[in-house]
């Protein structure tokens, strides 16, 4: 799932990227390396042990451009228009309000920013593509592109026209 995520997210050196639901940091490491030398990846998770594990993994790889934040995707503790890109993998279905979480991510995105949602097949909380489309619409977004694969799908969301 890392390759399609990276392709749709298109992280560039110097960018500030937000990952919601970092888990053990497996995606964090790839994206943090991609935004070097001057970029930063902020990771947000509701579970302190997951943040700690992701930070240990970043430390083992020598990545010093990862910043952890304990929080809830529905109430992001960041200023408006802070991030060049954001992503959530196997996280959206765990949110009590998926559309609310997407709207909050949209708020912290810079104009022209990129938002990518990944969902894994077999995840009991997997958000089906049709549901993602509805939530995106409710958040003022649209699914601009989706890549389906054996493990699941990755979708790039953009602001809806109008």
Protein backbone atom coordinates (compact mmCIF):
# COMPACT_ATOMS: atom_id res chain seq x y z
CA UNK A 1 0.00 0.00 0.00
CA UNK A 2 3.02 2.31 0.43
CA UNK A 3 3.66 2.69 -3.32
CA UNK A 4 0.13 3.78 -4.32
CA UNK A 5 -0.08 5.99 -1.23
CA UNK A 6 3.18 7.69 -2.12
CA UNK A 7 2.14 8.04 -5.78
CA UNK A 8 -1.15 9.79 -4.97
CA UNK A 9 0.22 11.83 -2.07
CA UNK A 10 3.29 12.89 -4.10
CA UNK A 11 5.34 14.15 -1.13
CA UNK A 12 8.10 16.59 -2.03
CA UNK A 13 11.20 17.79 -0.23
CA UNK A 14 10.47 20.63 2.15
CA UNK A 15 6.75 19.96 2.57
CA UNK A 16 4.84 19.67 5.81
CA UNK A 17 2.66 16.55 5.84
CA UNK A 18 0.07 15.33 8.35
CA UNK A 19 -0.52 11.65 9.04
CA UNK A 20 -3.60 10.79 11.06
CA UNK A 21 -3.44 7.43 12.82
CA UNK A 22 0.27 6.72 12.57
CA UNK A 23 0.09 3.29 14.16
CA UNK A 24 3.56 1.75 14.31
CA UNK A 25 4.93 4.29 11.85
CA UNK A 26 5.29 2.08 8.79
CA UNK A 27 3.89 4.76 6.45
CA UNK A 28 5.45 7.58 8.49
CA UNK A 29 8.96 6.39 7.75
CA UNK A 30 8.52 6.40 3.98
CA UNK A 31 6.84 9.80 3.86
CA UNK A 32 9.29 11.41 6.34
CA UNK A 33 12.21 10.26 4.17
CA UNK A 34 10.49 11.65 1.06
CA UNK A 35 10.17 15.20 2.47
CA UNK A 36 13.82 15.48 3.56
CA UNK A 37 15.90 17.53 3.92
CA UNK A 38 13.69 20.36 5.16
CA UNK A 39 10.22 18.79 5.33
CA UNK A 40 8.30 17.62 8.37
CA UNK A 41 5.73 14.90 9.06
CA UNK A 42 3.33 15.57 11.92
CA UNK A 43 1.76 12.36 13.19
CA UNK A 44 -1.48 12.44 15.14
CA UNK A 45 -2.90 9.49 17.03
CA UNK A 46 -5.38 9.05 19.88
CA UNK A 47 -3.21 6.33 21.44
CA UNK A 48 0.01 7.41 23.19
CA UNK A 49 1.58 3.95 22.82
CA UNK A 50 1.16 4.12 19.03
CA UNK A 51 2.81 7.54 18.90
CA UNK A 52 5.68 6.24 21.02
CA UNK A 53 6.15 3.22 18.74
CA UNK A 54 6.13 5.40 15.61
CA UNK A 55 8.70 7.73 17.17
CA UNK A 56 10.94 4.78 18.14
CA UNK A 57 10.74 3.52 14.55
CA UNK A 58 11.65 6.98 13.22
CA UNK A 59 14.56 7.15 15.65
CA UNK A 60 15.87 3.76 14.52
CA UNK A 61 15.88 5.08 10.93
CA UNK A 62 17.55 8.34 11.95
CA UNK A 63 14.54 10.41 10.93
CA UNK A 64 14.41 13.56 13.04
CA UNK A 65 11.66 15.24 11.02
CA UNK A 66 8.69 13.51 12.69
CA UNK A 67 6.63 15.34 15.29
CA UNK A 68 4.03 13.48 17.41
CA UNK A 69 0.71 14.92 18.62
CA UNK A 70 -1.83 13.17 20.80
CA UNK A 71 -5.30 14.03 19.54
CA UNK A 72 -8.58 13.34 17.78
CA UNK A 73 -9.02 13.68 14.01
CA UNK A 74 -12.29 15.53 14.51
CA UNK A 75 -10.58 18.31 16.49
CA UNK A 76 -7.13 18.85 15.00
CA UNK A 77 -4.89 21.09 17.15
CA UNK A 78 -3.38 22.85 14.14
CA UNK A 79 -3.95 26.24 12.54
CA UNK A 80 -5.91 26.57 9.30
CA UNK A 81 -3.92 25.99 6.10
CA UNK A 82 -0.91 24.41 7.85
CA UNK A 83 -0.19 21.33 5.71
CA UNK A 84 0.81 20.72 2.11
CA UNK A 85 -0.57 17.18 2.27
CA UNK A 86 -2.31 14.78 4.63
CA UNK A 87 -3.14 11.09 4.67
CA UNK A 88 -5.08 8.50 6.63
CA UNK A 89 -4.63 4.75 6.07
CA UNK A 90 -7.08 2.33 7.70
CA UNK A 91 -8.16 5.09 10.08
CA UNK A 92 -11.24 6.81 8.70
CA UNK A 93 -13.59 3.92 9.57
CA UNK A 94 -12.50 4.12 13.21
CA UNK A 95 -13.69 7.73 13.47
CA UNK A 96 -17.08 8.37 15.12
CA UNK A 97 -17.75 11.00 12.42
CA UNK A 98 -15.95 10.27 9.17
CA UNK A 99 -17.31 13.31 7.32
CA UNK A 100 -16.40 15.52 10.28
CA UNK A 101 -12.86 14.17 10.32
CA UNK A 102 -12.48 14.83 6.58
CA UNK A 103 -13.81 18.38 7.00
CA UNK A 104 -11.33 18.99 9.80
CA UNK A 105 -8.45 17.71 7.67
CA UNK A 106 -9.63 19.97 4.85
CA UNK A 107 -9.48 22.93 7.26
CA UNK A 108 -5.78 22.37 8.03
CA UNK A 109 -4.80 21.84 4.38
CA UNK A 110 -3.23 24.65 2.39
CA UNK A 111 -5.00 25.66 -0.83
CA UNK A 112 -4.02 23.12 -3.45
CA UNK A 113 -3.03 20.62 -0.75
CA UNK A 114 -3.39 16.89 -1.23
CA UNK A 115 -5.48 14.55 0.93
CA UNK A 116 -5.19 10.79 0.51
CA UNK A 117 -7.32 8.13 2.18
CA UNK A 118 -6.30 4.47 2.11
CA UNK A 119 -8.53 1.56 3.09
CA UNK A 120 -7.44 -2.05 3.52
CA UNK A 121 -9.46 -5.05 2.41
CA UNK A 122 -10.32 -7.25 5.37
CA UNK A 123 -10.31 -4.36 7.86
CA UNK A 124 -13.56 -4.67 9.84
CA UNK A 125 -13.83 -0.85 9.84
CA UNK A 126 -13.04 -0.47 6.13
CA UNK A 127 -14.79 2.47 4.48
CA UNK A 128 -16.25 1.35 1.15
CA UNK A 129 -15.56 3.64 -1.82
CA UNK A 130 -19.23 4.69 -2.04
CA UNK A 131 -19.24 5.67 1.64
CA UNK A 132 -16.01 7.62 1.19
CA UNK A 133 -17.65 9.49 -1.66
CA UNK A 134 -20.61 10.45 0.54
CA UNK A 135 -18.41 11.56 3.43
CA UNK A 136 -16.16 13.49 1.07
CA UNK A 137 -19.19 15.25 -0.41
CA UNK A 138 -20.43 16.18 3.08
CA UNK A 139 -16.98 17.64 3.84
CA UNK A 140 -16.88 19.73 0.65
CA UNK A 141 -14.50 17.33 -1.06
CA UNK A 142 -14.64 14.93 -3.99
CA UNK A 143 -12.78 11.76 -4.87
CA UNK A 144 -10.52 12.88 -7.72
CA UNK A 145 -8.72 9.59 -8.25
CA UNK A 146 -8.82 6.09 -6.81
CA UNK A 147 -6.33 3.26 -7.23
CA UNK A 148 -7.57 -0.23 -6.38
CA UNK A 149 -5.19 -3.04 -5.51
CA UNK A 150 -5.05 -6.44 -3.90
CA UNK A 151 -4.62 -4.99 -0.41
CA UNK A 152 -7.29 -2.30 -0.73
CA UNK A 153 -7.63 1.11 -2.31
CA UNK A 154 -6.09 4.56 -2.06
CA UNK A 155 -8.09 7.66 -2.99
CA UNK A 156 -7.01 11.25 -3.52
CA UNK A 157 -9.56 13.83 -2.42
CA UNK A 158 -9.76 17.42 -3.61
CA UNK A 159 -12.01 20.35 -2.79
CA UNK A 160 -15.35 20.09 -4.58
CA UNK A 161 -16.01 22.68 -7.28
CA UNK A 162 -18.24 25.55 -6.31
